Amino acid sequence: MDERLRNQVEKERRDLEILRAVVADGPIGIVKLADRTDVPEHKVRYSLRMLENDGFIEPTPEGAVPADDIDERLQRVNEGLDELIARLERVRDDEVEGT
């Protein structure tokens, strides 16, 4: 796996970890999220911004909370991941057959 793809997968893993903490413990702020997840505060802040831009969380004065429709959003993400995995498996299989 090339470095760029590896970094992107790590960022997505971190975002998911932050999202799980917000869903479990929200409202929750940056410092508590950093402590709970062992992710540096600057990366927590970035993940929160991306999660907010994608509509997964909402900021409040008390900290981040999950979006009202979080269950539906997560279901769509899981369906998308299933499709991505299937596509990657087809690519892998095509590569093996073509070798």
Protein backbone atom coordinates (compact mmCIF):
# COMPACT_ATOMS: atom_id res chain seq x y z
CA MET A 1 0.00 0.00 0.00
CA ASP A 2 1.48 3.33 -0.94
CA GLU A 3 2.11 5.95 1.73
CA ARG A 4 -0.65 8.32 0.60
CA LEU A 5 -3.29 5.61 0.79
CA ARG A 6 -1.94 4.43 4.14
CA ASN A 7 -2.19 7.98 5.52
CA GLN A 8 -5.76 8.35 4.25
CA VAL A 9 -6.81 5.06 5.84
CA GLU A 10 -5.23 6.14 9.14
CA LYS A 11 -7.06 9.47 9.01
CA GLU A 12 -10.37 7.69 8.42
CA ARG A 13 -9.63 5.32 11.31
CA ARG A 14 -8.93 8.30 13.57
CA ASP A 15 -12.12 10.09 12.47
CA LEU A 16 -14.12 6.95 13.24
CA GLU A 17 -12.52 6.68 16.68
CA ILE A 18 -13.40 10.33 17.40
CA LEU A 19 -16.95 9.81 16.11
CA ARG A 20 -17.42 6.74 18.32
CA ALA A 21 -16.35 8.77 21.37
CA VAL A 22 -18.74 11.60 20.47
CA VAL A 23 -21.63 9.15 20.02
CA ALA A 24 -20.81 7.41 23.31
CA ASP A 25 -19.98 10.44 25.45
CA GLY A 26 -21.27 13.60 23.76
CA PRO A 27 -21.38 16.40 24.40
CA ILE A 28 -17.62 16.18 24.61
CA GLY A 29 -14.85 18.69 23.99
CA ILE A 30 -11.46 18.53 22.36
CA VAL A 31 -9.40 18.03 25.53
CA LYS A 32 -11.55 15.15 26.78
CA LEU A 33 -11.58 13.56 23.34
CA ALA A 34 -7.79 13.79 23.15
CA ASP A 35 -7.46 12.20 26.60
CA ARG A 36 -10.00 9.47 25.87
CA THR A 37 -8.61 8.54 22.44
CA ASP A 38 -4.88 9.30 22.87
CA VAL A 39 -5.10 11.44 19.74
CA PRO A 40 -3.27 14.80 19.86
CA GLU A 41 -5.57 17.80 20.27
CA HIS A 42 -4.69 19.30 16.88
CA LYS A 43 -5.70 16.05 15.16
CA VAL A 44 -8.89 15.84 17.24
CA ARG A 45 -9.74 19.39 16.16
CA TYR A 46 -9.16 18.49 12.51
CA SER A 47 -11.25 15.30 12.78
CA LEU A 48 -14.08 17.21 14.45
CA ARG A 49 -14.03 19.79 11.66
CA MET A 50 -14.20 17.05 9.00
CA LEU A 51 -16.96 15.17 10.86
CA GLU A 52 -18.95 18.39 11.19
CA ASN A 53 -18.46 19.20 7.48
CA ASP A 54 -19.71 15.71 6.62
CA GLY A 55 -22.77 16.15 8.86
CA PHE A 56 -21.92 13.44 11.42
CA ILE A 57 -21.60 15.75 14.41
CA GLU A 58 -22.79 19.14 15.54
CA PRO A 59 -20.92 21.61 17.73
CA THR A 60 -22.54 22.91 20.91
CA PRO A 61 -21.21 25.18 23.66
CA GLU A 62 -20.77 22.03 25.79
CA GLY A 63 -18.88 20.12 23.08
CA ALA A 64 -19.54 17.95 20.06
CA VAL A 65 -22.73 15.88 19.83
CA PRO A 66 -23.81 13.35 17.20
CA ALA A 67 -26.10 14.59 14.44
CA ASP A 68 -29.78 13.84 14.94
CA ASP A 69 -29.75 11.38 12.03
CA ILE A 70 -26.47 9.67 12.98
CA ASP A 71 -27.89 6.14 12.73
CA GLU A 72 -29.00 6.66 9.13
CA ARG A 73 -25.71 8.33 8.22
CA LEU A 74 -23.70 5.46 9.69
CA GLN A 75 -25.84 2.92 7.85
CA ARG A 76 -25.07 4.67 4.55
CA VAL A 77 -21.36 4.72 5.40
CA ASN A 78 -21.41 1.00 6.17
CA GLU A 79 -23.18 0.27 2.89
CA GLY A 80 -20.58 2.36 1.08
CA LEU A 81 -17.78 0.47 2.80
CA ASP A 82 -19.31 -2.85 1.79
CA GLU A 83 -19.43 -1.67 -1.83
CA LEU A 84 -15.83 -0.39 -1.66
CA ILE A 85 -14.62 -3.71 -0.26
CA ALA A 86 -16.42 -5.59 -3.04
CA ARG A 87 -14.85 -3.31 -5.66
CA LEU A 88 -11.38 -3.75 -4.18
CA GLU A 89 -11.82 -7.53 -4.14
CA ARG A 90 -12.81 -7.44 -7.84
CA VAL A 91 -9.71 -5.38 -8.63
CA ARG A 92 -7.53 -7.82 -6.69
CA ASP A 93 -9.12 -10.81 -8.42
CA ASP A 94 -8.64 -9.19 -11.83
CA GLU A 95 -4.97 -8.56 -11.01
CA VAL A 96 -4.42 -12.18 -9.93
CA GLU A 97 -6.13 -13.53 -13.06
CA GLY A 98 -4.14 -11.18 -15.28
CA THR A 99 -0.81 -12.19 -13.84
